C-alpha atoms as a PDB file:
ATOM      1  CA  MET A   1     -19.380 -23.836  10.907  1.00  0.00           C
ATOM      2  CA  ARG A   2     -17.003 -21.167   9.671  1.00  0.00           C
ATOM      3  CA  LYS A   3     -13.395 -21.421  10.781  1.00  0.00           C
ATOM      4  CA  ARG A   4     -11.956 -18.542  12.815  1.00  0.00           C
ATOM      5  CA  GLY A   5      -9.029 -16.941  11.020  1.00  0.00           C
ATOM      6  CA  ILE A   6      -6.561 -14.084  10.670  1.00  0.00           C
ATOM      7  CA  LEU A   7      -6.515 -12.568   7.178  1.00  0.00           C
ATOM      8  CA  ILE A   8      -3.301 -11.146   5.682  1.00  0.00           C
ATOM      9  CA  THR A   9      -3.587  -9.367   2.336  1.00  0.00           C
ATOM     10  CA  GLY A  10      -0.483  -8.689   0.256  1.00  0.00           C
ATOM     11  CA  ALA A  11       1.040 -11.650   2.065  1.00  0.00           C
ATOM     12  CA  ALA A  12       3.751 -12.285  -0.541  1.00  0.00           C
ATOM     13  CA  GLY A  13       5.333  -8.873   0.085  1.00  0.00           C
ATOM     14  CA  GLU A  14       8.139  -7.800   2.389  1.00  0.00           C
ATOM     15  CA  ILE A  15       6.094  -7.332   5.567  1.00  0.00           C
ATOM     16  CA  GLY A  16       3.898 -10.360   4.892  1.00  0.00           C
ATOM     17  CA  ASP A  17       6.883 -12.665   4.612  1.00  0.00           C
ATOM     18  CA  SER A  18       7.955 -11.948   8.193  1.00  0.00           C
ATOM     19  CA  LEU A  19       4.458 -11.511   9.617  1.00  0.00           C
ATOM     20  CA  ILE A  20       3.315 -14.974   8.544  1.00  0.00           C
ATOM     21  CA  ARG A  21       6.222 -16.614  10.346  1.00  0.00           C
ATOM     22  CA  SER A  22       5.678 -14.554  13.507  1.00  0.00           C
ATOM     23  CA  LEU A  23       1.945 -15.283  13.649  1.00  0.00           C
ATOM     24  CA  SER A  24       2.580 -18.956  12.927  1.00  0.00           C
ATOM     25  CA  ASP A  25       4.904 -19.118  15.925  1.00  0.00           C
ATOM     26  CA  GLN A  26       2.024 -17.925  18.092  1.00  0.00           C
ATOM     27  CA  GLY A  27      -0.029 -20.808  16.704  1.00  0.00           C
ATOM     28  CA  GLU A  28      -3.399 -19.683  18.063  1.00  0.00           C
ATOM     29  CA  THR A  29      -5.539 -19.033  14.972  1.00  0.00           C
ATOM     30  CA  GLN A  30      -5.566 -20.213  11.372  1.00  0.00           C
ATOM     31  CA  ILE A  31      -3.781 -17.826   9.011  1.00  0.00           C
ATOM     32  CA  VAL A  32      -5.515 -17.068   5.710  1.00  0.00           C
ATOM     33  CA  THR A  33      -3.425 -15.213   3.142  1.00  0.00           C
ATOM     34  CA  LEU A  34      -4.416 -13.367  -0.020  1.00  0.00           C
ATOM     35  CA  ASP A  35      -2.120 -12.175  -2.802  1.00  0.00           C
ATOM     36  CA  LEU A  36      -1.914 -12.053  -6.587  1.00  0.00           C
ATOM     37  CA  ARG A  37       1.289 -14.082  -6.318  1.00  0.00           C
ATOM     38  CA  PRO A  38       1.955 -17.478  -4.765  1.00  0.00           C
ATOM     39  CA  LEU A  39       3.693 -17.578  -1.417  1.00  0.00           C
ATOM     40  CA  PRO A  40       7.240 -18.889  -1.023  1.00  0.00           C
ATOM     41  CA  PRO A  41       7.090 -22.625  -0.212  1.00  0.00           C
ATOM     42  CA  GLU A  42       8.168 -22.151   3.407  1.00  0.00           C
ATOM     43  CA  ASN A  43       5.301 -19.704   4.067  1.00  0.00           C
ATOM     44  CA  ALA A  44       2.743 -21.647   2.036  1.00  0.00           C
ATOM     45  CA  LYS A  45       3.068 -24.434   4.604  1.00  0.00           C
ATOM     46  CA  LEU A  46       2.123 -22.048   7.402  1.00  0.00           C
ATOM     47  CA  SER A  47      -1.125 -20.651   5.981  1.00  0.00           C
ATOM     48  CA  THR A  48      -4.138 -21.267   3.779  1.00  0.00           C
ATOM     49  CA  HIS A  49      -3.273 -19.218   0.711  1.00  0.00           C
ATOM     50  CA  ILE A  50      -5.801 -17.749  -1.714  1.00  0.00           C
ATOM     51  CA  GLN A  51      -4.188 -16.530  -4.909  1.00  0.00           C
ATOM     52  CA  GLY A  52      -6.412 -13.820  -6.284  1.00  0.00           C
ATOM     53  CA  ASP A  53      -7.288 -10.154  -6.619  1.00  0.00           C
ATOM     54  CA  LEU A  54      -8.377  -8.044  -3.659  1.00  0.00           C
ATOM     55  CA  MET A  55     -10.764  -6.257  -6.040  1.00  0.00           C
ATOM     56  CA  ASP A  56     -12.617  -9.511  -6.782  1.00  0.00           C
ATOM     57  CA  GLN A  57     -15.855  -9.139  -4.841  1.00  0.00           C
ATOM     58  CA  ALA A  58     -16.878 -12.761  -5.462  1.00  0.00           C
ATOM     59  CA  LEU A  59     -13.580 -13.940  -3.980  1.00  0.00           C
ATOM     60  CA  LEU A  60     -14.067 -11.830  -0.850  1.00  0.00           C
ATOM     61  CA  ALA A  61     -17.626 -13.105  -0.480  1.00  0.00           C
ATOM     62  CA  ARG A  62     -16.389 -16.704  -0.696  1.00  0.00           C
ATOM     63  CA  LEU A  63     -13.673 -15.954   1.845  1.00  0.00           C
ATOM     64  CA  VAL A  64     -16.088 -14.658   4.483  1.00  0.00           C
ATOM     65  CA  SER A  65     -18.478 -17.531   3.828  1.00  0.00           C
ATOM     66  CA  GLU A  66     -15.727 -19.960   4.840  1.00  0.00           C
ATOM     67  CA  TYR A  67     -13.943 -18.010   7.598  1.00  0.00           C
ATOM     68  CA  GLU A  68     -14.904 -15.905  10.568  1.00  0.00           C
ATOM     69  CA  ILE A  69     -12.328 -13.124  10.256  1.00  0.00           C
ATOM     70  CA  ALA A  70     -11.368 -11.736  13.664  1.00  0.00           C
ATOM     71  CA  THR A  71      -8.232  -9.820  12.603  1.00  0.00           C
ATOM     72  CA  ILE A  72      -7.120  -8.316   9.291  1.00  0.00           C
ATOM     73  CA  TYR A  73      -3.578  -7.248   8.434  1.00  0.00           C
ATOM     74  CA  HIS A  74      -4.084  -5.271   5.235  1.00  0.00           C
ATOM     75  CA  LEU A  75      -0.636  -5.157   3.628  1.00  0.00           C
ATOM     76  CA  ALA A  76      -1.599  -5.146  -0.060  1.00  0.00           C
ATOM     77  CA  ALA A  77      -0.565  -1.942  -1.844  1.00  0.00           C
ATOM     78  CA  LEU A  78       0.999  -0.519  -4.968  1.00  0.00           C
ATOM     79  CA  LEU A  79       4.192   1.092  -3.638  1.00  0.00           C
ATOM     80  CA  SER A  80       5.345   4.676  -3.957  1.00  0.00           C
ATOM     81  CA  THR A  81       7.541   4.701  -7.077  1.00  0.00           C
ATOM     82  CA  ARG A  82       5.302   2.350  -9.055  1.00  0.00           C
ATOM     83  CA  ALA A  83       2.236   4.353  -7.998  1.00  0.00           C
ATOM     84  CA  GLU A  84       3.660   7.459  -9.670  1.00  0.00           C
ATOM     85  CA  PHE A  85       3.742   5.658 -13.014  1.00  0.00           C
ATOM     86  CA  SER A  86       0.183   4.338 -12.623  1.00  0.00           C
ATOM     87  CA  PRO A  87      -1.695   6.743 -10.330  1.00  0.00           C
ATOM     88  CA  GLU A  88      -5.160   5.569 -11.350  1.00  0.00           C
ATOM     89  CA  MET A  89      -4.249   1.939 -10.747  1.00  0.00           C
ATOM     90  CA  ALA A  90      -2.660   2.933  -7.432  1.00  0.00           C
ATOM     91  CA  HIS A  91      -5.889   4.600  -6.361  1.00  0.00           C
ATOM     92  CA  GLN A  92      -7.864   1.529  -7.348  1.00  0.00           C
ATOM     93  CA  VAL A  93      -5.613  -0.905  -5.468  1.00  0.00           C
ATOM     94  CA  ASN A  94      -4.677   1.238  -2.487  1.00  0.00           C
ATOM     95  CA  VAL A  95      -7.951   3.054  -1.824  1.00  0.00           C
ATOM     96  CA  GLU A  96     -10.761   1.018  -3.365  1.00  0.00           C
ATOM     97  CA  GLY A  97      -9.182  -2.240  -2.210  1.00  0.00           C
ATOM     98  CA  THR A  98      -8.902  -0.863   1.329  1.00  0.00           C
ATOM     99  CA  LEU A  99     -12.483   0.376   1.223  1.00  0.00           C
ATOM    100  CA  HIS A 100     -13.700  -3.100   0.212  1.00  0.00           C
ATOM    101  CA  LEU A 101     -11.903  -4.600   3.206  1.00  0.00           C
ATOM    102  CA  LEU A 102     -13.114  -1.926   5.624  1.00  0.00           C
ATOM    103  CA  ARG A 103     -16.680  -2.601   4.549  1.00  0.00           C
ATOM    104  CA  LEU A 104     -16.107  -6.346   4.902  1.00  0.00           C
ATOM    105  CA  ALA A 105     -14.592  -5.851   8.357  1.00  0.00           C
ATOM    106  CA  SER A 106     -17.470  -3.622   9.440  1.00  0.00           C
ATOM    107  CA  GLU A 107     -20.021  -6.207   8.307  1.00  0.00           C
ATOM    108  CA  GLN A 108     -18.074  -8.958  10.062  1.00  0.00           C
ATOM    109  CA  SER A 109     -17.954  -6.852  13.230  1.00  0.00           C
ATOM    110  CA  GLN A 110     -21.714  -6.439  13.223  1.00  0.00           C
ATOM    111  CA  TRP A 111     -22.248 -10.133  12.508  1.00  0.00           C
ATOM    112  CA  ARG A 112     -19.879 -11.193  15.315  1.00  0.00           C
ATOM    113  CA  GLY A 113     -21.163  -8.659  17.835  1.00  0.00           C
ATOM    114  CA  GLU A 114     -17.616  -7.472  18.545  1.00  0.00           C
ATOM    115  CA  PRO A 115     -15.142  -5.406  16.538  1.00  0.00           C
ATOM    116  CA  VAL A 116     -12.865  -6.919  13.921  1.00  0.00           C
ATOM    117  CA  LEU A 117      -9.293  -5.739  14.505  1.00  0.00           C
ATOM    118  CA  PHE A 118      -7.972  -4.037  11.358  1.00  0.00           C
ATOM    119  CA  LEU A 119      -4.189  -3.378  11.208  1.00  0.00           C
ATOM    120  CA  PHE A 120      -3.027  -1.018   8.464  1.00  0.00           C
ATOM    121  CA  PRO A 121       0.611  -0.241   7.602  1.00  0.00           C
ATOM    122  CA  SER A 122       0.702   3.405   6.608  1.00  0.00           C
ATOM    123  CA  SER A 123       3.800   5.271   5.558  1.00  0.00           C
ATOM    124  CA  ILE A 124       6.114   8.226   5.932  1.00  0.00           C
ATOM    125  CA  ALA A 125       4.757   9.095   2.468  1.00  0.00           C
ATOM    126  CA  ALA A 126       1.668  10.532   4.219  1.00  0.00           C
ATOM    127  CA  TYR A 127       3.833  13.565   5.006  1.00  0.00           C
ATOM    128  CA  GLY A 128       4.798  16.329   2.607  1.00  0.00           C
ATOM    129  CA  MET A 129       7.501  18.866   3.453  1.00  0.00           C
ATOM    130  CA  PRO A 130       7.412  21.837   1.045  1.00  0.00           C
ATOM    131  CA  ASN A 131      11.198  22.329   0.835  1.00  0.00           C
ATOM    132  CA  LEU A 132      14.513  21.283   2.359  1.00  0.00           C
ATOM    133  CA  GLU A 133      14.583  24.307   4.649  1.00  0.00           C
ATOM    134  CA  THR A 134      11.323  23.213   6.268  1.00  0.00           C
ATOM    135  CA  LYS A 135      12.588  19.643   6.475  1.00  0.00           C
ATOM    136  CA  ALA A 136      15.634  20.860   8.403  1.00  0.00           C
ATOM    137  CA  GLN A 137      13.452  23.017  10.666  1.00  0.00           C
ATOM    138  CA  TYR A 138      11.215  20.070  11.640  1.00  0.00           C
ATOM    139  CA  PRO A 139      13.612  17.112  12.177  1.00  0.00           C
ATOM    140  CA  ARG A 140      11.097  14.892  14.048  1.00  0.00           C
ATOM    141  CA  VAL A 141       7.543  15.218  12.764  1.00  0.00           C
ATOM    142  CA  ARG A 142       4.442  14.389  14.834  1.00  0.00           C
ATOM    143  CA  GLU A 143       1.444  12.489  13.453  1.00  0.00           C
ATOM    144  CA  TRP A 144      -0.675  15.592  12.799  1.00  0.00           C
ATOM    145  CA  GLU A 145       2.048  17.759  11.252  1.00  0.00           C
ATOM    146  CA  TRP A 146       2.727  18.288   7.548  1.00  0.00           C
ATOM    147  CA  ASN A 147       0.048  15.900   6.303  1.00  0.00           C
ATOM    148  CA  TYR A 148       0.352  17.236   2.761  1.00  0.00           C
ATOM    149  CA  PRO A 149       1.587  14.267   0.688  1.00  0.00           C
ATOM    150  CA  THR A 150       3.048  14.972  -2.739  1.00  0.00           C
ATOM    151  CA  THR A 151       2.628  11.468  -4.225  1.00  0.00           C
ATOM    152  CA  MET A 152      -0.355   9.345  -5.145  1.00  0.00           C
ATOM    153  CA  TYR A 153       0.858   6.667  -2.730  1.00  0.00           C
ATOM    154  CA  GLY A 154       1.037   9.193   0.111  1.00  0.00           C
ATOM    155  CA  CYS A 155      -2.412  10.562  -0.740  1.00  0.00           C
ATOM    156  CA  ASN A 156      -3.760   7.003  -0.785  1.00  0.00           C
ATOM    157  CA  LYS A 157      -2.269   6.164   2.597  1.00  0.00           C
ATOM    158  CA  LEU A 158      -3.504   9.349   4.277  1.00  0.00           C
ATOM    159  CA  TYR A 159      -7.016   8.923   2.880  1.00  0.00           C
ATOM    160  CA  CYS A 160      -7.147   5.266   3.950  1.00  0.00           C
ATOM    161  CA  GLU A 161      -6.167   6.305   7.474  1.00  0.00           C
ATOM    162  CA  MET A 162      -9.128   8.683   7.451  1.00  0.00           C
ATOM    163  CA  LEU A 163     -11.446   5.981   6.097  1.00  0.00           C
ATOM    164  CA  GLY A 164     -10.346   3.653   8.877  1.00  0.00           C
ATOM    165  CA  ILE A 165     -11.014   6.319  11.493  1.00  0.00           C
ATOM    166  CA  TYR A 166     -14.429   6.970   9.966  1.00  0.00           C
ATOM    167  CA  TYR A 167     -15.465   3.307  10.090  1.00  0.00           C
ATOM    168  CA  SER A 168     -14.134   2.966  13.632  1.00  0.00           C
ATOM    169  CA  GLN A 169     -15.454   6.145  15.214  1.00  0.00           C
ATOM    170  CA  TYR A 170     -18.260   7.642  13.143  1.00  0.00           C
ATOM    171  CA  PHE A 171     -19.947   4.994  11.012  1.00  0.00           C
ATOM    172  CA  ARG A 172     -21.885   3.585  13.979  1.00  0.00           C
ATOM    173  CA  GLN A 173     -23.505   6.990  14.511  1.00  0.00           C
ATOM    174  CA  LEU A 174     -25.114   6.669  11.087  1.00  0.00           C
ATOM    175  CA  ALA A 175     -26.083   3.033  11.646  1.00  0.00           C
ATOM    176  CA  ALA A 176     -27.495   3.169  15.152  1.00  0.00           C
ATOM    177  CA  ASP A 177     -29.383  -0.095  14.681  1.00  0.00           C
ATOM    178  CA  ARG A 178     -26.022  -1.829  14.100  1.00  0.00           C
ATOM    179  CA  PRO A 179     -23.730  -0.195  16.646  1.00  0.00           C
ATOM    180  CA  VAL A 180     -20.702  -2.493  16.490  1.00  0.00           C
ATOM    181  CA  THR A 181     -17.960  -1.284  14.139  1.00  0.00           C
ATOM    182  CA  LEU A 182     -14.397  -2.286  13.490  1.00  0.00           C
ATOM    183  CA  ASP A 183     -11.257  -1.481  15.491  1.00  0.00           C
ATOM    184  CA  PHE A 184      -8.895   0.238  13.032  1.00  0.00           C
ATOM    185  CA  ARG A 185      -5.242   0.831  13.979  1.00  0.00           C
ATOM    186  CA  ALA A 186      -2.477   2.138  11.724  1.00  0.00           C
ATOM    187  CA  LEU A 187       1.291   2.555  11.890  1.00  0.00           C
ATOM    188  CA  ARG A 188       3.182   5.126   9.860  1.00  0.00           C
ATOM    189  CA  PHE A 189       6.373   3.289   9.009  1.00  0.00           C
ATOM    190  CA  PRO A 190       9.683   4.781   7.881  1.00  0.00           C
ATOM    191  CA  GLY A 191      11.696   3.062   5.155  1.00  0.00           C
ATOM    192  CA  LEU A 192      11.630  -0.669   5.911  1.00  0.00           C
ATOM    193  CA  ILE A 193      14.649  -2.899   5.291  1.00  0.00           C
ATOM    194  CA  SER A 194      14.252  -6.663   4.968  1.00  0.00           C
ATOM    195  CA  ALA A 195      17.102  -9.152   4.805  1.00  0.00           C
ATOM    196  CA  PHE A 196      14.937 -11.845   3.230  1.00  0.00           C
ATOM    197  CA  THR A 197      13.120 -10.145   0.358  1.00  0.00           C
ATOM    198  CA  VAL A 198      14.461  -8.114  -2.565  1.00  0.00           C
ATOM    199  CA  PRO A 199      13.409  -4.428  -2.749  1.00  0.00           C
ATOM    200  CA  SER A 200      10.358  -4.046  -4.984  1.00  0.00           C
ATOM    201  CA  GLY A 201       9.427  -0.494  -5.906  1.00  0.00           C
ATOM    202  CA  GLY A 202       9.673   1.589  -2.740  1.00  0.00           C
ATOM    203  CA  THR A 203      11.251   5.034  -2.845  1.00  0.00           C
ATOM    204  CA  SER A 204      13.366   4.230   0.225  1.00  0.00           C
ATOM    205  CA  ASP A 205      14.824   1.193  -1.539  1.00  0.00           C
ATOM    206  CA  TYR A 206      18.146   2.902  -2.263  1.00  0.00           C
ATOM    207  CA  GLY A 207      19.234   1.796   1.223  1.00  0.00           C
ATOM    208  CA  PRO A 208      18.530  -1.925   0.974  1.00  0.00           C
ATOM    209  CA  GLU A 209      19.643  -1.907  -2.675  1.00  0.00           C
ATOM    210  CA  MET A 210      23.091  -0.765  -1.540  1.00  0.00           C
ATOM    211  CA  LEU A 211      23.289  -3.829   0.673  1.00  0.00           C
ATOM    212  CA  HIS A 212      22.043  -6.307  -1.907  1.00  0.00           C
ATOM    213  CA  TYR A 213      24.354  -5.035  -4.649  1.00  0.00           C
ATOM    214  CA  ALA A 214      27.328  -5.031  -2.285  1.00  0.00           C
ATOM    215  CA  ALA A 215      26.590  -8.598  -1.188  1.00  0.00           C
ATOM    216  CA  LYS A 216      26.461  -9.667  -4.846  1.00  0.00           C
ATOM    217  CA  GLY A 217      29.732  -7.861  -5.581  1.00  0.00           C
ATOM    218  CA  GLU A 218      28.082  -5.487  -8.047  1.00  0.00           C
ATOM    219  CA  ALA A 219      28.471  -1.706  -8.377  1.00  0.00           C
ATOM    220  CA  TYR A 220      25.457   0.383  -7.402  1.00  0.00           C
ATOM    221  CA  ALA A 221      24.410   3.942  -8.284  1.00  0.00           C
ATOM    222  CA  ALA A 222      21.943   5.268  -5.704  1.00  0.00           C
ATOM    223  CA  PHE A 223      19.051   7.286  -7.142  1.00  0.00           C
ATOM    224  CA  VAL A 224      19.339  10.016  -4.456  1.00  0.00           C
ATOM    225  CA  ARG A 225      21.857  12.652  -3.330  1.00  0.00           C
ATOM    226  CA  GLU A 226      24.412  11.875  -0.639  1.00  0.00           C
ATOM    227  CA  ASP A 227      22.756  14.295   1.816  1.00  0.00           C
ATOM    228  CA  THR A 228      19.293  12.714   1.524  1.00  0.00           C
ATOM    229  CA  CYS A 229      18.066  11.884   5.020  1.00  0.00           C
ATOM    230  CA  ILE A 230      15.055   9.782   6.023  1.00  0.00           C
ATOM    231  CA  PRO A 231      14.320   7.336   8.861  1.00  0.00           C
ATOM    232  CA  PHE A 232      14.598   3.560   8.514  1.00  0.00           C
ATOM    233  CA  MET A 233      13.584   0.441  10.423  1.00  0.00           C
ATOM    234  CA  ALA A 234      14.628  -3.216  10.243  1.00  0.00           C
ATOM    235  CA  MET A 235      11.787  -5.521   9.223  1.00  0.00           C
ATOM    236  CA  PRO A 236      11.677  -7.523  12.486  1.00  0.00           C
ATOM    237  CA  ASP A 237      10.881  -4.303  14.347  1.00  0.00           C
ATOM    238  CA  ALA A 238       8.110  -3.469  11.874  1.00  0.00           C
ATOM    239  CA  VAL A 239       6.455  -6.828  12.478  1.00  0.00           C
ATOM    240  CA  THR A 240       6.943  -6.496  16.235  1.00  0.00           C
ATOM    241  CA  ALA A 241       5.278  -3.077  16.132  1.00  0.00           C
ATOM    242  CA  LEU A 242       2.257  -4.472  14.253  1.00  0.00           C
ATOM    243  CA  LEU A 243       1.869  -7.370  16.672  1.00  0.00           C
ATOM    244  CA  LYS A 244       2.390  -5.177  19.706  1.00  0.00           C
ATOM    245  CA  LEU A 245      -0.178  -2.622  18.560  1.00  0.00           C
ATOM    246  CA  ALA A 246      -2.641  -5.434  17.790  1.00  0.00           C
ATOM    247  CA  ALA A 247      -2.334  -6.771  21.341  1.00  0.00           C
ATOM    248  CA  VAL A 248      -2.988  -3.479  23.167  1.00  0.00           C
ATOM    249  CA  PRO A 249      -6.443  -2.993  24.742  1.00  0.00           C
ATOM    250  CA  ALA A 250      -8.379  -0.307  22.876  1.00  0.00           C
ATOM    251  CA  ARG A 251      -8.796   1.731  26.050  1.00  0.00           C
ATOM    252  CA  ALA A 252      -5.013   2.266  26.217  1.00  0.00           C
ATOM    253  CA  LEU A 253      -4.832   3.982  22.821  1.00  0.00           C
ATOM    254  CA  SER A 254      -5.015   7.759  22.517  1.00  0.00           C
ATOM    255  CA  ARG A 255      -5.070   7.713  18.710  1.00  0.00           C
ATOM    256  CA  ARG A 256      -5.654   5.348  15.793  1.00  0.00           C
ATOM    257  CA  VAL A 257      -2.597   6.293  13.730  1.00  0.00           C
ATOM    258  CA  TYR A 258       0.877   6.104  15.282  1.00  0.00           C
ATOM    259  CA  ASN A 259       4.380   6.939  14.115  1.00  0.00           C
ATOM    260  CA  VAL A 260       7.053   4.326  14.743  1.00  0.00           C
ATOM    261  CA  THR A 261      10.722   4.620  13.829  1.00  0.00           C
ATOM    262  CA  SER A 262      14.199   3.378  14.626  1.00  0.00           C
ATOM    263  CA  PHE A 263      17.128   5.357  13.170  1.00  0.00           C
ATOM    264  CA  SER A 264      17.744   8.168  10.668  1.00  0.00           C
ATOM    265  CA  LEU A 265      20.806   8.647   8.502  1.00  0.00           C
ATOM    266  CA  THR A 266      21.847  10.207   5.220  1.00  0.00           C
ATOM    267  CA  ALA A 267      22.346   8.191   2.056  1.00  0.00           C
ATOM    268  CA  ALA A 268      26.096   8.828   2.346  1.00  0.00           C
ATOM    269  CA  GLU A 269      26.093   7.493   5.915  1.00  0.00           C
ATOM    270  CA  PHE A 270      24.118   4.458   4.767  1.00  0.00           C
ATOM    271  CA  GLY A 271      26.724   3.844   2.096  1.00  0.00           C
ATOM    272  CA  GLU A 272      29.514   4.169   4.663  1.00  0.00           C
ATOM    273  CA  MET A 273      27.841   1.523   6.835  1.00  0.00           C
ATOM    274  CA  VAL A 274      27.581  -0.793   3.836  1.00  0.00           C
ATOM    275  CA  GLN A 275      31.268  -0.274   2.967  1.00  0.00           C
ATOM    276  CA  ARG A 276      32.237  -0.986   6.553  1.00  0.00           C
ATOM    277  CA  PHE A 277      30.853  -4.513   6.204  1.00  0.00           C
ATOM    278  CA  PHE A 278      31.572  -4.892   2.482  1.00  0.00           C
ATOM    279  CA  PRO A 279      34.876  -3.031   1.943  1.00  0.00           C
ATOM    280  CA  GLN A 280      34.844  -3.749  -1.777  1.00  0.00           C
ATOM    281  CA  ALA A 281      31.381  -2.189  -2.278  1.00  0.00           C
ATOM    282  CA  GLN A 282      31.244   0.309  -5.149  1.00  0.00           C
ATOM    283  CA  ILE A 283      28.582   2.898  -4.314  1.00  0.00           C
ATOM    284  CA  THR A 284      28.013   6.086  -6.279  1.00  0.00           C
ATOM    285  CA  PHE A 285      25.174   8.595  -6.376  1.00  0.00           C
ATOM    286  CA  LYS A 286      23.163   9.437  -9.477  1.00  0.00           C
ATOM    287  CA  PRO A 287      19.986  11.225  -8.361  1.00  0.00           C
ATOM    288  CA  ASP A 288      16.773  10.624 -10.245  1.00  0.00           C
ATOM    289  CA  LEU A 289      14.875  13.921 -10.172  1.00  0.00           C
ATOM    290  CA  LYS A 290      11.444  12.390  -9.645  1.00  0.00           C
ATOM    291  CA  ARG A 291      12.433   9.993  -6.879  1.00  0.00           C
ATOM    292  CA  GLN A 292      14.696  12.600  -5.276  1.00  0.00           C
ATOM    293  CA  GLY A 293      11.765  14.985  -5.099  1.00  0.00           C
ATOM    294  CA  ILE A 294       9.722  12.354  -3.286  1.00  0.00           C
ATOM    295  CA  VAL A 295      12.279  11.636  -0.562  1.00  0.00           C
ATOM    296  CA  ASP A 296      12.992  15.354  -0.147  1.00  0.00           C
ATOM    297  CA  SER A 297       9.313  15.768   0.808  1.00  0.00           C
ATOM    298  CA  TRP A 298       9.568  13.135   3.546  1.00  0.00           C
ATOM    299  CA  PRO A 299      10.710  14.143   7.041  1.00  0.00           C
ATOM    300  CA  ALA A 300      14.208  13.305   8.232  1.00  0.00           C
ATOM    301  CA  GLY A 301      12.753  11.717  11.357  1.00  0.00           C
ATOM    302  CA  LEU A 302       9.473  10.705  12.989  1.00  0.00           C
ATOM    303  CA  ASN A 303       8.380  11.564  16.522  1.00  0.00           C
ATOM    304  CA  ASP A 304       7.028   8.308  17.964  1.00  0.00           C
ATOM    305  CA  ASN A 305       6.535   9.483  21.556  1.00  0.00           C
ATOM    306  CA  ASP A 306       2.818   8.614  21.540  1.00  0.00           C
ATOM    307  CA  ALA A 307       3.521   4.997  20.599  1.00  0.00           C
ATOM    308  CA  ARG A 308       6.207   4.753  23.267  1.00  0.00           C
ATOM    309  CA  ARG A 309       3.867   6.182  25.904  1.00  0.00           C
ATOM    310  CA  ASP A 310       0.610   4.399  24.977  1.00  0.00           C
ATOM    311  CA  TRP A 311       1.805   0.875  24.245  1.00  0.00           C
ATOM    312  CA  GLY A 312       5.468   0.686  25.138  1.00  0.00           C
ATOM    313  CA  TRP A 313       6.914   0.841  21.638  1.00  0.00           C
ATOM    314  CA  LYS A 314      10.692   0.639  21.450  1.00  0.00           C
ATOM    315  CA  PRO A 315      12.761  -0.697  18.531  1.00  0.00           C
ATOM    316  CA  THR A 316      15.017  -3.660  19.206  1.00  0.00           C
ATOM    317  CA  TYR A 317      17.316  -2.980  16.256  1.00  0.00           C
ATOM    318  CA  ASP A 318      19.197   0.305  16.286  1.00  0.00           C
ATOM    319  CA  LEU A 319      21.538   1.161  13.409  1.00  0.00           C
ATOM    320  CA  GLU A 320      24.421  -0.992  14.643  1.00  0.00           C
ATOM    321  CA  ARG A 321      22.328  -4.070  15.467  1.00  0.00           C
ATOM    322  CA  SER A 322      20.319  -3.765  12.243  1.00  0.00           C
ATOM    323  CA  PHE A 323      23.486  -4.100  10.181  1.00  0.00           C
ATOM    324  CA  SER A 324      25.651  -6.400  12.282  1.00  0.00           C
ATOM    325  CA  GLU A 325      23.037  -8.864  13.582  1.00  0.00           C
ATOM    326  CA  TYR A 326      20.242  -8.855  11.003  1.00  0.00           C
ATOM    327  CA  LEU A 327      20.955  -7.346   7.595  1.00  0.00           C
ATOM    328  CA  VAL A 328      24.569  -8.208   6.780  1.00  0.00           C
ATOM    329  CA  PRO A 329      24.611 -11.874   7.932  1.00  0.00           C
ATOM    330  CA  ASN A 330      21.325 -12.766   6.228  1.00  0.00           C
ATOM    331  CA  ILE A 331      21.819 -10.839   2.995  1.00  0.00           C
ATOM    332  CA  SER A 332      25.360 -12.220   2.700  1.00  0.00           C
ATOM    333  CA  GLN A 333      24.046 -15.759   3.063  1.00  0.00           C
ATOM    334  CA  ARG A 334      21.469 -15.145   0.359  1.00  0.00           C
ATOM    335  CA  TYR A 335      24.170 -14.604  -2.259  1.00  0.00           C
ATOM    336  CA  GLN A 336      26.651 -17.279  -1.218  1.00  0.00           C
ATOM    337  CA  PRO A 337      27.336 -19.864  -3.920  1.00  0.00           C
ATOM    338  CA  ALA A 338      25.215 -22.993  -3.567  1.00  0.00           C
END
């Protein structure tokens, strides 16, 4: 008999690191993880890890032959900055990999006779503001506004949202003899900041990089202008949002893609917060034209009213708590001498 499990792809990444520990604390279902990289030892103890490629069809077939997958957290992705250097690879990983999993989830749903829950972390990169004047005019963007991404990563995320909606709402109309389809739900995250993993290729990483360099006592030149403004969220809130959305009855949801956010601030204000906790921090600004253009196309804030209304979303960590209770203590400990 197949074992019932929760599948997490991209489990060795920033979100996966925290999500594994949170799901393990719930202790209800076996956690199966998939990533090209091994998991850190502390997380490897909490899950059954498969080290392999999401594009490997034989691997996915073996996985579903051993496990009855009831929930999928699809975190695997090639992030925004790296995707710009390898757009074709980004499309393959971000879109084709997602399509493989959506098809797997749909088949599992039909086999089980009830929908597989499919959680997808989307991104602020799905938006595309044409210029800074428009960005200032629309300070808090709704889910359906300015969906004109300017990066391959943003295009990938927006298209995958649409694929998920298709498989959830329309695919069953074309397969009337197999009416059960998956339950796709997505969150458009702002820049995420983790205290326990090192930034790894995201365009919002100038924020967490300021913290890590300051904690190490090293000078840092941010790759954006001082006036650059985007929203951020502490990683515990991102994981809470995923788990909270997963637990909501489908009938309570008015949409399948939701904004969630916590606080917005400029790069200069972020640097000032870092220097408040690390007075010796040396932070300068040396904009990279390509990466600056990306963050300029992202909104300064997200309107998450629908998430607050439909399923009670509210961040626990505002700006002050994010720094004083989560980021600074944990990042400082990371770089203390052994």
